[in-house]
Structure formats: structure tokens, C-alpha cells
Amino acid sequence: MEIKNIIILGARGNVGTALIAELRKIPDQFTITAVSRTSSTYTAPPGSNIAVKAVDYASLESLTDAFAGQDAVVNCITGGATQYEPSVRIIDAAVAAGVKFFFANEFAGNVGSEQFKRLPEAAAGAKVRVREYLTQLVGEGKIAWTALNGGPFFDMWLMKGPAGFDVKNKQARIYGEGTNPLWWTPLPTIAVAAANILRNPSPALNRGIYICPFAPGALTQNVLLAALETVLDAKFTVTHVDVAAINRAAKAALARGDVKTAMRGFAISNQFYEGDCGNNLEGMTENAMCGVKEIGVEEAIREAVGRYGVEGGVVESMFRVEASEI
């Protein structure tokens, strides 16, 4: 399958921005159109030849018109557009327009894990059911698809708090023993992998693809702490947190219907609790197929610090998660 004309949905978001930056490195290979909402003020990057189309995402006709003449639709939208009905409308428009390849908006998780499947769609999105719908369409010969997942975005988790580190104030929250293997991928690496799949989609057709640029077992909270202290030449104040209690509290919150609170707890325990981890990609990654090269933890930290700086601080609600609050 050869792809030339690409539509990117969510070009303003984290993944969309990173992917466009990567695709611009090979300007002669693709013709790119960024689709935005009619209310958006998005403009293409200066000096690029990227076209911009405004669409009504609630209109199948508007989407179909925008997708006409395209080889691939890459869905980088997050939030409400990951729900089932908006996602299916986008897919149906791609089918109606004759698009041959659909890149689903997964990117950050193990969609096939039981831990992901138990999360309410209202909070986690309908990625499981969307995969099922795409598989159905493949069986009907209507479209091909893929999805890319690399776990949480390493750089964003590290610098914004969910990884358990406040880089600015040199504080660390170590969940459990700090030894649970983490399968995370820097956002620029996600963009590299997605671009390489678009260049050669055949090996990735009709299935989810998983990547992680760190060697298996090489990334844990304890490893991150040691590497951060080396890179920043500073000691962190360490607090040890009962991650099993957070997991129990999250399950209780989910049982009583408090989805928002439950999701906050599961965001932590799905990564750090060895007794109920939902992001183990061991034996699943296909780095070579996606052109993903192995990276060292200290190198990845330096790149993240260079991108975000050390003074930005964390999102407290993502950094300081306690079982008592859940």
C-alpha cells in the first residue's frame, strides 16, 4: 500500500503537532492536510505547504467532503472525539470518501489489557470498541487500519508530575517499591514511529502496534530517580507511597460510580502497582519495524528537561495522589 495524501485530525494537539513536525522532515513524500474544527484558529506552521480545512465534526457530510481524494486519515484527536459515536462518524466518513488507510487515535496505552478494558468509556474513550468496528470494516473490505501505542508519553509524565517527580522542587513520590517496569515512550519517538508506519504501512495493517525505546525492564521509578539526580546533580527528597492502597481505593471509587476519582487512582496503579499493572508491553513491542531506536534513561531525561525546562513545575493533582483522597 502506498500513501501520498494524508489528512491529520487534531493537528494542534500534542501528537498532531509532533507528527507534523516529523513529516515535514520528508516534505516531498506526503501531501498533508490538517483538519480543524470550524471554531478553531489553527494555522499551518510557517513555511510549510500544509493545507488547512475546517470541518463540522458532527456532520458526516462535512467530514466526507474533507476526506475526498485522501489516501490516509490519521486521527490524533483526544478527549471527547475518542468516544464511540464521534469516532465511528469519522471512520464512516473515511470509508464514504474512499480513504484506504485509517490511523486510529490510541497512542498512549495497552488497549488490549484487562486493566484498560475495565475503565469506563466515558473517561478512557471507546478505543476497544473502535478497534472492533475497524476490524469489522476490514472483513467487509472497506478500509485498512492501524493503531500505535507506546504507553504514557515519557517526557510529559516525567515533567508534569504523573511519573512521581517534581523536578523543580526536587521531590519524588515512589509508589510501592519503585521497581515495577515502566513501558513509556517520549512523544517525539511516537511521531517517528507513526511517520515510518505511514511511509510503509503494510507490516502494520489491521492491528495495533506497540513500541518502547527503553530496553525491557530498564525503566523503573528507582532508575528514574537515580538518573534524575545524576542529570540534575541534585538529591531529591523521597516519599514512599502505598500504591496497593491507591489501587484498592480506585476500585472502590469505581464501584460506587465515582469515575473521575477512580481514574485518578488507576492512572497511578496501572503503571506502578505490580499486583495490577495495566501497561506491561513485554514481548509485544515492534521497535525495528517502526524505526524506533533504543535510548538510555539519562539521555531521555536530558531531552525532556531540554524541552520543558526545570522551572515549569508539576500539575499537583497528577503528582500528589493519595489513597485517602480516592
C-alpha atoms as a PDB file:
ATOM      1  CA  MET A   1       0.000   0.000   0.000  1.00  0.00           C
ATOM      2  CA  GLU A   2       1.330   3.424  -0.977  1.00  0.00           C
ATOM      3  CA  ILE A   3       0.264   6.577   0.820  1.00  0.00           C
ATOM      4  CA  LYS A   4       0.722  10.073  -0.572  1.00  0.00           C
ATOM      5  CA  ASN A   5      -2.166  12.289   0.552  1.00  0.00           C
ATOM      6  CA  ILE A   6      -2.655  12.437   4.314  1.00  0.00           C
ATOM      7  CA  ILE A   7      -5.329  14.062   6.449  1.00  0.00           C
ATOM      8  CA  ILE A   8      -4.338  14.786  10.053  1.00  0.00           C
ATOM      9  CA  LEU A   9      -7.090  15.353  12.592  1.00  0.00           C
ATOM     10  CA  GLY A  10      -6.101  17.124  15.791  1.00  0.00           C
ATOM     11  CA  ALA A  11      -3.105  18.864  14.246  1.00  0.00           C
ATOM     12  CA  ARG A  12      -2.996  21.319  17.130  1.00  0.00           C
ATOM     13  CA  GLY A  13      -2.704  18.655  19.833  1.00  0.00           C
ATOM     14  CA  ASN A  14       0.403  17.069  21.290  1.00  0.00           C
ATOM     15  CA  VAL A  15       0.538  14.084  18.928  1.00  0.00           C
ATOM     16  CA  GLY A  16      -0.632  16.020  15.879  1.00  0.00           C
ATOM     17  CA  THR A  17       1.957  18.754  16.384  1.00  0.00           C
ATOM     18  CA  ALA A  18       4.773  16.238  16.878  1.00  0.00           C
ATOM     19  CA  LEU A  19       3.709  14.163  13.871  1.00  0.00           C
ATOM     20  CA  ILE A  20       3.515  17.176  11.565  1.00  0.00           C
ATOM     21  CA  ALA A  21       6.985  18.252  12.699  1.00  0.00           C
ATOM     22  CA  GLU A  22       8.304  14.788  11.845  1.00  0.00           C
ATOM     23  CA  LEU A  23       6.536  14.574   8.484  1.00  0.00           C
ATOM     24  CA  ARG A  24       7.910  17.990   7.500  1.00  0.00           C
ATOM     25  CA  LYS A  25      11.381  16.415   7.544  1.00  0.00           C
ATOM     26  CA  ILE A  26      10.341  14.477   4.422  1.00  0.00           C
ATOM     27  CA  PRO A  27       8.359  17.198   2.572  1.00  0.00           C
ATOM     28  CA  ASP A  28       8.400  15.538  -0.846  1.00  0.00           C
ATOM     29  CA  GLN A  29       6.914  12.245   0.324  1.00  0.00           C
ATOM     30  CA  PHE A  30       3.487  13.377   1.522  1.00  0.00           C
ATOM     31  CA  THR A  31       0.875  15.991   0.790  1.00  0.00           C
ATOM     32  CA  ILE A  32      -0.571  16.923   4.172  1.00  0.00           C
ATOM     33  CA  THR A  33      -3.908  18.466   5.031  1.00  0.00           C
ATOM     34  CA  ALA A  34      -4.643  19.477   8.611  1.00  0.00           C
ATOM     35  CA  VAL A  35      -8.309  19.369   9.552  1.00  0.00           C
ATOM     36  CA  SER A  36      -9.587  21.652  12.304  1.00  0.00           C
ATOM     37  CA  ARG A  37     -12.966  22.482  13.759  1.00  0.00           C
ATOM     38  CA  THR A  38     -14.866  25.376  12.266  1.00  0.00           C
ATOM     39  CA  SER A  39     -14.352  27.268  15.542  1.00  0.00           C
ATOM     40  CA  SER A  40     -10.585  26.699  15.559  1.00  0.00           C
ATOM     41  CA  THR A  41      -7.981  29.361  14.821  1.00  0.00           C
ATOM     42  CA  TYR A  42      -5.359  26.770  13.830  1.00  0.00           C
ATOM     43  CA  THR A  43      -2.902  27.806  11.143  1.00  0.00           C
ATOM     44  CA  ALA A  44      -0.259  25.689   9.453  1.00  0.00           C
ATOM     45  CA  PRO A  45       3.356  26.034  10.633  1.00  0.00           C
ATOM     46  CA  PRO A  46       5.135  28.962   8.956  1.00  0.00           C
ATOM     47  CA  GLY A  47       6.978  27.958   5.832  1.00  0.00           C
ATOM     48  CA  SER A  48       5.075  24.713   5.386  1.00  0.00           C
ATOM     49  CA  ASN A  49       2.899  23.742   2.442  1.00  0.00           C
ATOM     50  CA  ILE A  50       0.286  22.129   4.689  1.00  0.00           C
ATOM     51  CA  ALA A  51      -3.283  22.856   3.677  1.00  0.00           C
ATOM     52  CA  VAL A  52      -5.870  23.538   6.379  1.00  0.00           C
ATOM     53  CA  LYS A  53      -9.542  22.589   6.157  1.00  0.00           C
ATOM     54  CA  ALA A  54     -12.235  23.486   8.673  1.00  0.00           C
ATOM     55  CA  VAL A  55     -14.938  20.870   9.224  1.00  0.00           C
ATOM     56  CA  ASP A  56     -18.002  20.260  11.312  1.00  0.00           C
ATOM     57  CA  TYR A  57     -17.104  17.112  13.250  1.00  0.00           C
ATOM     58  CA  ALA A  58     -20.773  16.498  13.962  1.00  0.00           C
ATOM     59  CA  SER A  59     -21.520  16.269  10.227  1.00  0.00           C
ATOM     60  CA  LEU A  60     -20.807  13.097   8.267  1.00  0.00           C
ATOM     61  CA  GLU A  61     -21.161  15.092   5.045  1.00  0.00           C
ATOM     62  CA  SER A  62     -18.654  17.747   6.130  1.00  0.00           C
ATOM     63  CA  LEU A  63     -16.108  15.112   7.119  1.00  0.00           C
ATOM     64  CA  THR A  64     -16.635  13.129   3.920  1.00  0.00           C
ATOM     65  CA  ASP A  65     -16.084  16.212   1.793  1.00  0.00           C
ATOM     66  CA  ALA A  66     -12.850  16.972   3.670  1.00  0.00           C
ATOM     67  CA  PHE A  67     -11.555  13.410   3.229  1.00  0.00           C
ATOM     68  CA  ALA A  68     -12.173  13.248  -0.532  1.00  0.00           C
ATOM     69  CA  GLY A  69      -9.059  12.367  -2.508  1.00  0.00           C
ATOM     70  CA  GLN A  70      -7.061  11.313   0.561  1.00  0.00           C
ATOM     71  CA  ASP A  71      -5.133   8.063   0.977  1.00  0.00           C
ATOM     72  CA  ALA A  72      -4.958   8.102   4.766  1.00  0.00           C
ATOM     73  CA  VAL A  73      -6.702   9.704   7.726  1.00  0.00           C
ATOM     74  CA  VAL A  74      -4.591   9.996  10.871  1.00  0.00           C
ATOM     75  CA  ASN A  75      -6.742  10.642  13.911  1.00  0.00           C
ATOM     76  CA  CYS A  76      -4.755  12.495  16.576  1.00  0.00           C
ATOM     77  CA  ILE A  77      -7.778  13.930  18.375  1.00  0.00           C
ATOM     78  CA  THR A  78      -8.100  13.308  22.091  1.00  0.00           C
ATOM     79  CA  GLY A  79     -10.864  13.990  24.577  1.00  0.00           C
ATOM     80  CA  GLY A  80     -14.495  13.598  23.525  1.00  0.00           C
ATOM     81  CA  ALA A  81     -13.622  12.543  20.000  1.00  0.00           C
ATOM     82  CA  THR A  82     -12.289   9.239  21.351  1.00  0.00           C
ATOM     83  CA  GLN A  83     -15.846   8.278  22.279  1.00  0.00           C
ATOM     84  CA  TYR A  84     -17.613   5.736  20.131  1.00  0.00           C
ATOM     85  CA  GLU A  85     -20.110   7.770  18.113  1.00  0.00           C
ATOM     86  CA  PRO A  86     -17.724  10.614  17.130  1.00  0.00           C
ATOM     87  CA  SER A  87     -15.040   8.046  16.264  1.00  0.00           C
ATOM     88  CA  VAL A  88     -17.382   5.959  14.122  1.00  0.00           C
ATOM     89  CA  ARG A  89     -18.604   9.083  12.320  1.00  0.00           C
ATOM     90  CA  ILE A  90     -15.011   9.914  11.374  1.00  0.00           C
ATOM     91  CA  ILE A  91     -14.366   6.339  10.225  1.00  0.00           C
ATOM     92  CA  ASP A  92     -17.609   6.181   8.240  1.00  0.00           C
ATOM     93  CA  ALA A  93     -16.681   9.439   6.517  1.00  0.00           C
ATOM     94  CA  ALA A  94     -13.298   7.992   5.590  1.00  0.00           C
ATOM     95  CA  VAL A  95     -14.995   4.923   4.108  1.00  0.00           C
ATOM     96  CA  ALA A  96     -17.515   7.074   2.228  1.00  0.00           C
ATOM     97  CA  ALA A  97     -14.703   9.207   0.789  1.00  0.00           C
ATOM     98  CA  GLY A  98     -12.785   6.163  -0.428  1.00  0.00           C
ATOM     99  CA  VAL A  99      -9.872   6.554   2.025  1.00  0.00           C
ATOM    100  CA  LYS A 100      -7.867   3.325   2.085  1.00  0.00           C
ATOM    101  CA  PHE A 101      -5.998   3.631   5.418  1.00  0.00           C
ATOM    102  CA  PHE A 102      -7.159   4.803   8.844  1.00  0.00           C
ATOM    103  CA  PHE A 103      -4.739   5.523  11.699  1.00  0.00           C
ATOM    104  CA  ALA A 104      -6.718   5.213  14.942  1.00  0.00           C
ATOM    105  CA  ASN A 105      -6.157   7.593  17.863  1.00  0.00           C
ATOM    106  CA  GLU A 106      -4.720   5.331  20.573  1.00  0.00           C
ATOM    107  CA  PHE A 107      -1.015   6.220  21.100  1.00  0.00           C
ATOM    108  CA  ALA A 108      -0.757   6.037  24.913  1.00  0.00           C
ATOM    109  CA  GLY A 109      -1.741   2.740  26.476  1.00  0.00           C
ATOM    110  CA  ASN A 110      -2.146  -1.006  26.275  1.00  0.00           C
ATOM    111  CA  VAL A 111      -5.626  -1.091  24.782  1.00  0.00           C
ATOM    112  CA  GLY A 112      -5.741  -4.879  24.918  1.00  0.00           C
ATOM    113  CA  SER A 113      -5.077  -5.178  28.653  1.00  0.00           C
ATOM    114  CA  GLU A 114      -7.782  -6.139  31.117  1.00  0.00           C
ATOM    115  CA  GLN A 115      -6.923  -3.057  33.180  1.00  0.00           C
ATOM    116  CA  PHE A 116      -7.678  -0.794  30.228  1.00  0.00           C
ATOM    117  CA  LYS A 117     -10.845  -2.655  29.318  1.00  0.00           C
ATOM    118  CA  ARG A 118     -12.316  -2.185  32.798  1.00  0.00           C
ATOM    119  CA  LEU A 119     -12.025   1.600  32.595  1.00  0.00           C
ATOM    120  CA  PRO A 120     -15.331   3.360  31.826  1.00  0.00           C
ATOM    121  CA  GLU A 121     -15.577   4.555  28.229  1.00  0.00           C
ATOM    122  CA  ALA A 122     -16.720   7.962  29.417  1.00  0.00           C
ATOM    123  CA  ALA A 123     -13.260   8.513  30.889  1.00  0.00           C
ATOM    124  CA  ALA A 124     -10.922   6.326  28.846  1.00  0.00           C
ATOM    125  CA  GLY A 125     -12.598   6.527  25.456  1.00  0.00           C
ATOM    126  CA  ALA A 126     -14.046   3.773  23.297  1.00  0.00           C
ATOM    127  CA  LYS A 127     -10.771   2.580  21.820  1.00  0.00           C
ATOM    128  CA  VAL A 128     -11.588  -1.091  22.368  1.00  0.00           C
ATOM    129  CA  ARG A 129     -14.934  -0.872  20.582  1.00  0.00           C
ATOM    130  CA  VAL A 130     -13.445   1.308  17.846  1.00  0.00           C
ATOM    131  CA  ARG A 131     -10.886  -1.430  17.169  1.00  0.00           C
ATOM    132  CA  GLU A 132     -13.727  -3.934  16.896  1.00  0.00           C
ATOM    133  CA  TYR A 133     -15.565  -1.698  14.431  1.00  0.00           C
ATOM    134  CA  LEU A 134     -12.463  -1.221  12.301  1.00  0.00           C
ATOM    135  CA  THR A 135     -11.892  -4.986  12.281  1.00  0.00           C
ATOM    136  CA  GLN A 136     -15.461  -5.436  11.071  1.00  0.00           C
ATOM    137  CA  LEU A 137     -14.860  -2.978   8.220  1.00  0.00           C
ATOM    138  CA  VAL A 138     -11.681  -4.821   7.232  1.00  0.00           C
ATOM    139  CA  GLY A 139     -13.724  -8.001   6.954  1.00  0.00           C
ATOM    140  CA  GLU A 140     -16.102  -6.162   4.640  1.00  0.00           C
ATOM    141  CA  GLY A 141     -13.191  -4.928   2.503  1.00  0.00           C
ATOM    142  CA  LYS A 142     -13.955  -1.258   3.180  1.00  0.00           C
ATOM    143  CA  ILE A 143     -10.761   0.089   4.744  1.00  0.00           C
ATOM    144  CA  ALA A 144      -7.451  -0.897   6.359  1.00  0.00           C
ATOM    145  CA  TRP A 145      -6.298   0.448   9.710  1.00  0.00           C
ATOM    146  CA  THR A 146      -3.588   0.523  12.335  1.00  0.00           C
ATOM    147  CA  ALA A 147      -3.026   1.959  15.791  1.00  0.00           C
ATOM    148  CA  LEU A 148       0.190   2.867  17.591  1.00  0.00           C
ATOM    149  CA  ASN A 149       0.774   2.630  21.330  1.00  0.00           C
ATOM    150  CA  GLY A 150       3.867   3.425  23.358  1.00  0.00           C
ATOM    151  CA  GLY A 151       2.459   3.714  26.860  1.00  0.00           C
ATOM    152  CA  PRO A 152       2.335   7.118  28.573  1.00  0.00           C
ATOM    153  CA  PHE A 153       4.398   9.871  26.971  1.00  0.00           C
ATOM    154  CA  PHE A 154       7.703   9.678  28.872  1.00  0.00           C
ATOM    155  CA  ASP A 155       8.582  13.361  28.664  1.00  0.00           C
ATOM    156  CA  MET A 156       5.153  14.661  29.665  1.00  0.00           C
ATOM    157  CA  TRP A 157       4.755  12.193  32.539  1.00  0.00           C
ATOM    158  CA  LEU A 158       8.228  12.939  33.838  1.00  0.00           C
ATOM    159  CA  MET A 159       7.948  16.724  33.730  1.00  0.00           C
ATOM    160  CA  LYS A 160       4.279  17.250  34.638  1.00  0.00           C
ATOM    161  CA  GLY A 161       4.009  15.034  37.716  1.00  0.00           C
ATOM    162  CA  PRO A 162       2.357  11.668  36.974  1.00  0.00           C
ATOM    163  CA  ALA A 163       5.727   9.864  36.973  1.00  0.00           C
ATOM    164  CA  GLY A 164       6.068  10.808  40.650  1.00  0.00           C
ATOM    165  CA  PHE A 165       8.710  13.522  40.302  1.00  0.00           C
ATOM    166  CA  ASP A 166       8.632  17.263  40.911  1.00  0.00           C
ATOM    167  CA  VAL A 167      11.765  18.266  39.033  1.00  0.00           C
ATOM    168  CA  LYS A 168      11.567  21.936  40.026  1.00  0.00           C
ATOM    169  CA  ASN A 169      11.368  21.270  43.770  1.00  0.00           C
ATOM    170  CA  LYS A 170      13.454  18.055  43.709  1.00  0.00           C
ATOM    171  CA  GLN A 171      10.744  15.879  45.242  1.00  0.00           C
ATOM    172  CA  ALA A 172       9.998  12.242  44.450  1.00  0.00           C
ATOM    173  CA  ARG A 173       6.980  10.095  45.253  1.00  0.00           C
ATOM    174  CA  ILE A 174       7.992   6.446  44.912  1.00  0.00           C
ATOM    175  CA  TYR A 175       4.991   4.179  44.533  1.00  0.00           C
ATOM    176  CA  GLY A 176       5.452   0.817  46.240  1.00  0.00           C
ATOM    177  CA  GLU A 177       8.998  -0.462  45.889  1.00  0.00           C
ATOM    178  CA  GLY A 178       9.683   1.647  42.811  1.00  0.00           C
ATOM    179  CA  THR A 179      10.707  -1.432  40.842  1.00  0.00           C
ATOM    180  CA  ASN A 180       7.717  -2.070  38.581  1.00  0.00           C
ATOM    181  CA  PRO A 181       8.898  -1.996  34.922  1.00  0.00           C
ATOM    182  CA  LEU A 182       7.577   1.001  33.019  1.00  0.00           C
ATOM    183  CA  TRP A 183       6.837   0.961  29.293  1.00  0.00           C
ATOM    184  CA  TRP A 184       6.834   4.618  28.310  1.00  0.00           C
ATOM    185  CA  THR A 185       7.777   6.413  25.092  1.00  0.00           C
ATOM    186  CA  PRO A 186       8.829  10.040  24.500  1.00  0.00           C
ATOM    187  CA  LEU A 187       6.369  11.952  22.344  1.00  0.00           C
ATOM    188  CA  PRO A 188       8.912  12.647  19.556  1.00  0.00           C
ATOM    189  CA  THR A 189       9.551   8.895  19.313  1.00  0.00           C
ATOM    190  CA  ILE A 190       5.821   8.293  18.862  1.00  0.00           C
ATOM    191  CA  ALA A 191       5.935  10.767  15.977  1.00  0.00           C
ATOM    192  CA  VAL A 192       8.922   8.998  14.394  1.00  0.00           C
ATOM    193  CA  ALA A 193       7.169   5.638  14.601  1.00  0.00           C
ATOM    194  CA  ALA A 194       3.905   6.998  13.195  1.00  0.00           C
ATOM    195  CA  ALA A 195       5.714   8.665  10.294  1.00  0.00           C
ATOM    196  CA  ASN A 196       7.576   5.449   9.483  1.00  0.00           C
ATOM    197  CA  ILE A 197       4.333   3.470   9.503  1.00  0.00           C
ATOM    198  CA  LEU A 198       2.846   5.951   7.043  1.00  0.00           C
ATOM    199  CA  ARG A 199       5.889   5.524   4.821  1.00  0.00           C
ATOM    200  CA  ASN A 200       5.467   1.735   4.851  1.00  0.00           C
ATOM    201  CA  PRO A 201       2.058   0.761   6.248  1.00  0.00           C
ATOM    202  CA  SER A 202       1.907  -2.834   5.003  1.00  0.00           C
ATOM    203  CA  PRO A 203       3.581  -4.506   8.038  1.00  0.00           C
ATOM    204  CA  ALA A 204       1.245  -2.636  10.395  1.00  0.00           C
ATOM    205  CA  LEU A 205      -2.061  -3.280   8.644  1.00  0.00           C
ATOM    206  CA  ASN A 206      -5.170  -4.144  10.627  1.00  0.00           C
ATOM    207  CA  ARG A 207      -3.668  -4.461  14.087  1.00  0.00           C
ATOM    208  CA  GLY A 208      -2.319  -2.460  16.989  1.00  0.00           C
ATOM    209  CA  ILE A 209       1.417  -1.780  17.076  1.00  0.00           C
ATOM    210  CA  TYR A 210       3.353  -1.361  20.352  1.00  0.00           C
ATOM    211  CA  ILE A 211       6.708   0.335  20.876  1.00  0.00           C
ATOM    212  CA  CYS A 212       9.030   1.329  23.704  1.00  0.00           C
ATOM    213  CA  PRO A 213      12.540   2.721  23.131  1.00  0.00           C
ATOM    214  CA  PHE A 214      13.890   1.587  26.509  1.00  0.00           C
ATOM    215  CA  ALA A 215      15.362  -1.877  26.921  1.00  0.00           C
ATOM    216  CA  PRO A 216      12.934  -4.327  28.592  1.00  0.00           C
ATOM    217  CA  GLY A 217      12.999  -3.774  32.340  1.00  0.00           C
ATOM    218  CA  ALA A 218      15.392  -0.828  32.070  1.00  0.00           C
ATOM    219  CA  LEU A 219      12.897   1.814  33.178  1.00  0.00           C
ATOM    220  CA  THR A 220      11.518   1.927  36.732  1.00  0.00           C
ATOM    221  CA  GLN A 221      10.847   4.720  39.209  1.00  0.00           C
ATOM    222  CA  ASN A 222      14.031   3.870  41.084  1.00  0.00           C
ATOM    223  CA  VAL A 223      16.037   4.054  37.857  1.00  0.00           C
ATOM    224  CA  LEU A 224      14.388   7.365  37.018  1.00  0.00           C
ATOM    225  CA  LEU A 225      15.225   8.777  40.441  1.00  0.00           C
ATOM    226  CA  ALA A 226      18.897   7.828  40.184  1.00  0.00           C
ATOM    227  CA  ALA A 227      19.144   9.160  36.634  1.00  0.00           C
ATOM    228  CA  LEU A 228      17.405  12.428  37.537  1.00  0.00           C
ATOM    229  CA  GLU A 229      19.798  13.003  40.423  1.00  0.00           C
ATOM    230  CA  THR A 230      22.735  12.362  38.090  1.00  0.00           C
ATOM    231  CA  VAL A 231      21.490  14.575  35.256  1.00  0.00           C
ATOM    232  CA  LEU A 232      20.466  17.443  37.547  1.00  0.00           C
ATOM    233  CA  ASP A 233      23.348  16.935  40.001  1.00  0.00           C
ATOM    234  CA  ALA A 234      20.899  17.195  42.893  1.00  0.00           C
ATOM    235  CA  LYS A 235      19.370  14.985  45.582  1.00  0.00           C
ATOM    236  CA  PHE A 236      15.598  14.505  45.708  1.00  0.00           C
ATOM    237  CA  THR A 237      13.510  14.316  48.851  1.00  0.00           C
ATOM    238  CA  VAL A 238      11.781  10.922  48.658  1.00  0.00           C
ATOM    239  CA  THR A 239       8.331   9.966  49.952  1.00  0.00           C
ATOM    240  CA  HIS A 240       7.239   6.332  49.715  1.00  0.00           C
ATOM    241  CA  VAL A 241       3.568   5.823  48.814  1.00  0.00           C
ATOM    242  CA  ASP A 242       1.346   2.774  49.367  1.00  0.00           C
ATOM    243  CA  VAL A 243       0.329   2.084  45.755  1.00  0.00           C
ATOM    244  CA  ALA A 244      -1.693  -1.013  46.712  1.00  0.00           C
ATOM    245  CA  ALA A 245      -3.924   1.218  48.846  1.00  0.00           C
ATOM    246  CA  ILE A 246      -4.376   3.580  45.894  1.00  0.00           C
ATOM    247  CA  ASN A 247      -5.400   0.617  43.736  1.00  0.00           C
ATOM    248  CA  ARG A 248      -7.948  -0.576  46.316  1.00  0.00           C
ATOM    249  CA  ALA A 249      -9.373   2.912  46.715  1.00  0.00           C
ATOM    250  CA  ALA A 250      -9.675   3.344  42.943  1.00  0.00           C
ATOM    251  CA  LYS A 251     -11.600   0.085  42.636  1.00  0.00           C
ATOM    252  CA  ALA A 252     -13.911   1.181  45.441  1.00  0.00           C
ATOM    253  CA  ALA A 253     -14.473   4.558  43.792  1.00  0.00           C
ATOM    254  CA  LEU A 254     -15.321   2.848  40.504  1.00  0.00           C
ATOM    255  CA  ALA A 255     -17.775   0.531  42.276  1.00  0.00           C
ATOM    256  CA  ARG A 256     -19.625   3.497  43.773  1.00  0.00           C
ATOM    257  CA  GLY A 257     -19.763   5.253  40.401  1.00  0.00           C
ATOM    258  CA  ASP A 258     -17.198   7.963  41.100  1.00  0.00           C
ATOM    259  CA  VAL A 259     -15.470   7.637  37.742  1.00  0.00           C
ATOM    260  CA  LYS A 260     -13.320  10.776  37.917  1.00  0.00           C
ATOM    261  CA  THR A 261     -11.835   9.799  41.263  1.00  0.00           C
ATOM    262  CA  ALA A 262     -11.325   6.198  40.189  1.00  0.00           C
ATOM    263  CA  MET A 263      -9.466   7.248  37.052  1.00  0.00           C
ATOM    264  CA  ARG A 264      -7.056   9.338  39.093  1.00  0.00           C
ATOM    265  CA  GLY A 265      -6.141   6.308  41.156  1.00  0.00           C
ATOM    266  CA  PHE A 266      -5.948   3.914  38.226  1.00  0.00           C
ATOM    267  CA  ALA A 267      -3.651   6.298  36.341  1.00  0.00           C
ATOM    268  CA  ILE A 268      -1.114   5.614  39.095  1.00  0.00           C
ATOM    269  CA  SER A 269      -1.734   1.973  39.929  1.00  0.00           C
ATOM    270  CA  ASN A 270      -1.954   0.865  36.281  1.00  0.00           C
ATOM    271  CA  GLN A 271       1.672   1.944  35.952  1.00  0.00           C
ATOM    272  CA  PHE A 272       3.321   1.395  39.308  1.00  0.00           C
ATOM    273  CA  TYR A 273       1.466  -1.425  41.109  1.00  0.00           C
ATOM    274  CA  GLU A 274       2.981  -4.789  40.273  1.00  0.00           C
ATOM    275  CA  GLY A 275      -0.158  -6.511  41.566  1.00  0.00           C
ATOM    276  CA  ASP A 276      -2.453  -4.893  38.996  1.00  0.00           C
ATOM    277  CA  CYS A 277      -0.332  -3.273  36.259  1.00  0.00           C
ATOM    278  CA  GLY A 278      -2.096  -2.480  33.009  1.00  0.00           C
ATOM    279  CA  ASN A 279       0.784  -1.337  30.848  1.00  0.00           C
ATOM    280  CA  ASN A 280       3.174  -4.261  30.550  1.00  0.00           C
ATOM    281  CA  LEU A 281       4.319  -4.412  26.918  1.00  0.00           C
ATOM    282  CA  GLU A 282       6.890  -7.161  27.405  1.00  0.00           C
ATOM    283  CA  GLY A 283       7.181  -9.285  24.282  1.00  0.00           C
ATOM    284  CA  MET A 284       4.774  -7.025  22.365  1.00  0.00           C
ATOM    285  CA  THR A 285       6.983  -4.239  21.045  1.00  0.00           C
ATOM    286  CA  GLU A 286       7.979  -3.928  17.380  1.00  0.00           C
ATOM    287  CA  ASN A 287      10.559  -1.174  17.513  1.00  0.00           C
ATOM    288  CA  ALA A 288      12.562  -2.201  14.466  1.00  0.00           C
ATOM    289  CA  MET A 289       9.510  -2.316  12.232  1.00  0.00           C
ATOM    290  CA  CYS A 290       8.721   1.291  13.199  1.00  0.00           C
ATOM    291  CA  GLY A 291      12.292   2.564  13.009  1.00  0.00           C
ATOM    292  CA  VAL A 292      12.455   3.122  16.780  1.00  0.00           C
ATOM    293  CA  LYS A 293      15.974   3.102  18.226  1.00  0.00           C
ATOM    294  CA  GLU A 294      16.835   2.214  21.819  1.00  0.00           C
ATOM    295  CA  ILE A 295      17.514   5.170  24.093  1.00  0.00           C
ATOM    296  CA  GLY A 296      19.146   5.396  27.517  1.00  0.00           C
ATOM    297  CA  VAL A 297      17.239   6.764  30.502  1.00  0.00           C
ATOM    298  CA  GLU A 298      19.666   9.617  31.171  1.00  0.00           C
ATOM    299  CA  GLU A 299      19.569  10.648  27.512  1.00  0.00           C
ATOM    300  CA  ALA A 300      15.765  10.666  27.538  1.00  0.00           C
ATOM    301  CA  ILE A 301      15.742  12.758  30.722  1.00  0.00           C
ATOM    302  CA  ARG A 302      18.125  15.306  29.229  1.00  0.00           C
ATOM    303  CA  GLU A 303      15.917  15.627  26.171  1.00  0.00           C
ATOM    304  CA  ALA A 304      12.778  16.046  28.308  1.00  0.00           C
ATOM    305  CA  VAL A 305      14.430  18.646  30.541  1.00  0.00           C
ATOM    306  CA  GLY A 306      15.695  20.466  27.469  1.00  0.00           C
ATOM    307  CA  ARG A 307      12.192  20.531  26.021  1.00  0.00           C
ATOM    308  CA  TYR A 308      10.277  21.542  29.155  1.00  0.00           C
ATOM    309  CA  GLY A 309      12.875  23.243  31.359  1.00  0.00           C
ATOM    310  CA  VAL A 310      13.150  22.672  35.091  1.00  0.00           C
ATOM    311  CA  GLU A 311      11.078  25.616  36.296  1.00  0.00           C
ATOM    312  CA  GLY A 312       7.691  24.657  34.903  1.00  0.00           C
ATOM    313  CA  GLY A 313       6.525  22.752  37.933  1.00  0.00           C
ATOM    314  CA  VAL A 314       4.005  19.922  38.091  1.00  0.00           C
ATOM    315  CA  VAL A 315       0.249  19.568  37.941  1.00  0.00           C
ATOM    316  CA  GLU A 316      -0.367  18.910  41.639  1.00  0.00           C
ATOM    317  CA  SER A 317      -3.444  16.738  41.104  1.00  0.00           C
ATOM    318  CA  MET A 318      -1.375  14.439  38.899  1.00  0.00           C
ATOM    319  CA  PHE A 319       1.697  14.455  41.128  1.00  0.00           C
ATOM    320  CA  ARG A 320       0.249  14.135  44.640  1.00  0.00           C
ATOM    321  CA  VAL A 321      -2.165  11.191  44.538  1.00  0.00           C
ATOM    322  CA  GLU A 322      -3.170   9.696  47.899  1.00  0.00           C
ATOM    323  CA  ALA A 323      -5.424   6.731  48.655  1.00  0.00           C
ATOM    324  CA  SER A 324      -7.227   8.824  51.272  1.00  0.00           C
ATOM    325  CA  GLU A 325      -8.336  11.270  48.565  1.00  0.00           C
ATOM    326  CA  ILE A 326      -9.717   8.468  46.420  1.00  0.00           C
END
